[in-house]
Amino acid sequence: MLSIKGFGPVGRRLRAGSARTALVVAAIVALSAPGVAGAATTTVTLSGRASTACPATVTATVTGVDLAANGGSPGAVLFGDGTTTLGIVLATVQTTTPTGATVVAAFEWHPATTGTHVLTATYTGDGSADHTTVDVGTGINLGSVCL
């Protein structure tokens, strides 16, 4: 759990659109060391069926992270939908090798509208980014299954 003076504990995912989110994003970016520019590679993927009735999991995997250059921190990932910020998630270290660490950040996305969405993930450690295009349909949530 991250705690920022004056704001208390901050959960793993923040809601977009609040002043608190903007301040926390700025603080995390400022605290994330720049690392080795261009060394990391970010890949964003979507698991699940993207529909307005059912959530899908958006995952960013960042390889080649220089944890030492980042002060030992795995950093964070800023997720977006086009130009809209969805939130920022603190990354966790998945593996480490002599050539760098692999860190992962994920969150549950609840699309509000149908149509084409461009989901982005930007790693705060060095700014590496990726995107994926998703077609969101109208779904039916039956509780244990989404159609």
Protein backbone atom coordinates (compact mmCIF):
# COMPACT_ATOMS: atom_id res chain seq x y z
CA MET A 1 0.00 0.00 0.00
CA LEU A 2 1.33 3.38 -1.00
CA SER A 3 0.85 6.30 1.35
CA ILE A 4 1.34 9.90 0.35
CA LYS A 5 1.61 12.55 3.02
CA GLY A 6 -1.65 14.45 3.34
CA PHE A 7 -3.59 11.84 1.38
CA GLY A 8 -3.15 8.68 3.47
CA PRO A 9 -3.10 5.21 1.96
CA VAL A 10 -3.66 4.86 -1.76
CA GLY A 11 -5.13 1.62 -3.12
CA ARG A 12 -3.76 -0.38 -6.02
CA ARG A 13 -6.14 1.36 -8.47
CA LEU A 14 -7.32 4.93 -8.50
CA ARG A 15 -10.43 6.33 -10.14
CA ALA A 16 -9.92 8.77 -12.97
CA GLY A 17 -11.31 12.26 -12.80
CA SER A 18 -10.48 13.24 -9.24
CA ALA A 19 -7.99 15.79 -7.98
CA ARG A 20 -6.60 13.11 -5.67
CA THR A 21 -5.87 10.84 -8.64
CA ALA A 22 -4.07 13.64 -10.48
CA LEU A 23 -1.90 14.40 -7.45
CA VAL A 24 -1.11 10.74 -6.82
CA VAL A 25 -0.20 10.18 -10.48
CA ALA A 26 2.12 13.21 -10.36
CA ALA A 27 3.71 11.97 -7.12
CA ILE A 28 4.29 8.45 -8.44
CA VAL A 29 5.76 9.72 -11.70
CA ALA A 30 8.02 12.10 -9.77
CA LEU A 31 9.14 9.33 -7.41
CA SER A 32 9.81 6.85 -10.22
CA ALA A 33 13.41 7.23 -11.29
CA PRO A 34 13.86 7.60 -15.03
CA GLY A 35 15.78 4.32 -15.32
CA VAL A 36 17.57 3.50 -18.52
CA ALA A 37 15.81 5.32 -21.35
CA GLY A 38 14.46 2.94 -23.96
CA ALA A 39 15.65 -0.17 -22.10
CA ALA A 40 12.22 -1.42 -21.05
CA THR A 41 9.54 -2.78 -23.36
CA THR A 42 5.86 -2.53 -22.46
CA THR A 43 3.17 -4.87 -23.80
CA VAL A 44 -0.54 -4.41 -23.07
CA THR A 45 -3.08 -7.25 -23.36
CA LEU A 46 -6.78 -7.75 -22.65
CA SER A 47 -8.25 -10.87 -21.08
CA GLY A 48 -11.96 -11.53 -21.20
CA ARG A 49 -14.73 -10.35 -23.47
CA ALA A 50 -14.91 -6.58 -23.75
CA SER A 51 -18.54 -5.57 -23.37
CA THR A 52 -20.52 -2.92 -21.56
CA ALA A 53 -22.01 -5.55 -19.24
CA CYS A 54 -18.88 -7.49 -18.33
CA PRO A 55 -15.46 -6.39 -17.09
CA ALA A 56 -12.23 -7.42 -18.79
CA THR A 57 -8.71 -7.48 -17.34
CA VAL A 58 -6.15 -5.13 -18.89
CA THR A 59 -2.56 -6.22 -18.18
CA ALA A 60 0.72 -4.43 -18.88
CA THR A 61 3.90 -6.49 -18.87
CA VAL A 62 7.14 -4.52 -18.85
CA THR A 63 10.39 -6.36 -19.61
CA GLY A 64 13.97 -5.15 -19.25
CA VAL A 65 13.31 -3.00 -16.17
CA ASP A 66 16.48 -1.81 -14.42
CA LEU A 67 15.33 -1.98 -10.79
CA ALA A 68 18.63 -0.56 -9.51
CA ALA A 69 18.23 2.54 -11.70
CA ASN A 70 14.68 2.87 -10.35
CA GLY A 71 15.88 2.84 -6.74
CA GLY A 72 14.62 -0.74 -6.34
CA SER A 73 11.07 0.28 -7.25
CA PRO A 74 9.15 -1.63 -9.91
CA GLY A 75 7.38 1.63 -10.83
CA ALA A 76 3.80 2.00 -11.98
CA VAL A 77 1.74 1.81 -15.16
CA LEU A 78 -0.62 4.53 -16.35
CA PHE A 79 -3.58 3.01 -18.22
CA GLY A 80 -5.71 4.94 -20.68
CA ASP A 81 -8.57 4.61 -23.12
CA GLY A 82 -7.66 6.91 -25.98
CA THR A 83 -6.99 10.27 -24.35
CA THR A 84 -8.88 9.39 -21.14
CA THR A 85 -6.86 8.25 -18.14
CA LEU A 86 -8.36 5.11 -16.63
CA GLY A 87 -6.03 4.88 -13.66
CA ILE A 88 -2.55 4.12 -12.44
CA VAL A 89 -1.51 0.78 -10.98
CA LEU A 90 1.63 0.02 -9.01
CA ALA A 91 3.61 -2.70 -10.77
CA THR A 92 4.82 -5.87 -9.10
CA VAL A 93 8.01 -7.74 -9.93
CA GLN A 94 7.27 -11.00 -11.73
CA THR A 95 10.83 -12.20 -12.47
CA THR A 96 14.38 -10.89 -12.38
CA THR A 97 17.28 -11.81 -14.64
CA PRO A 98 20.75 -10.35 -15.22
CA THR A 99 19.32 -8.37 -18.17
CA GLY A 100 16.50 -6.81 -16.14
CA ALA A 101 13.27 -7.48 -14.35
CA THR A 102 9.81 -8.17 -15.69
CA VAL A 103 7.09 -6.23 -13.90
CA VAL A 104 3.34 -6.55 -14.29
CA ALA A 105 0.37 -4.28 -13.56
CA ALA A 106 -3.28 -5.17 -14.17
CA PHE A 107 -6.74 -3.85 -13.48
CA GLU A 108 -10.36 -4.67 -14.18
CA TRP A 109 -11.80 -2.48 -16.95
CA HIS A 110 -15.53 -1.77 -17.16
CA PRO A 111 -16.15 -0.22 -20.59
CA ALA A 112 -18.91 2.40 -20.45
CA THR A 113 -19.56 2.60 -24.20
CA THR A 114 -19.63 0.29 -27.19
CA GLY A 115 -17.38 0.77 -30.20
CA THR A 116 -13.64 0.87 -30.84
CA HIS A 117 -11.41 1.68 -27.87
CA VAL A 118 -7.63 2.13 -27.93
CA LEU A 119 -6.27 0.94 -24.59
CA THR A 120 -2.84 2.27 -23.67
CA ALA A 121 -0.30 1.40 -21.01
CA THR A 122 2.66 3.66 -20.20
CA TYR A 123 5.36 2.53 -17.79
CA THR A 124 6.37 5.39 -15.48
CA GLY A 125 9.90 4.03 -15.01
CA ASP A 126 11.05 5.12 -18.47
CA GLY A 127 7.97 6.07 -20.46
CA SER A 128 7.86 2.95 -22.64
CA ALA A 129 4.33 2.34 -23.87
CA ASP A 130 2.08 0.07 -25.88
CA HIS A 131 -1.54 0.01 -27.02
CA THR A 132 -4.16 -2.44 -28.20
CA THR A 133 -7.37 -1.78 -30.12
CA VAL A 134 -10.52 -3.39 -28.72
CA ASP A 135 -14.04 -3.55 -30.13
CA VAL A 136 -16.51 -3.30 -27.25
CA GLY A 137 -19.97 -4.77 -27.74
CA THR A 138 -23.14 -4.91 -25.68
CA GLY A 139 -22.99 -7.95 -23.46
CA ILE A 140 -25.21 -9.83 -21.07
CA ASN A 141 -23.89 -10.58 -17.58
CA LEU A 142 -25.46 -13.79 -16.27
CA GLY A 143 -23.37 -13.76 -13.10
CA SER A 144 -21.21 -16.81 -13.71
CA VAL A 145 -20.80 -16.13 -17.43
CA CYS A 146 -20.83 -13.17 -19.78
CA LEU A 147 -22.29 -13.35 -23.26
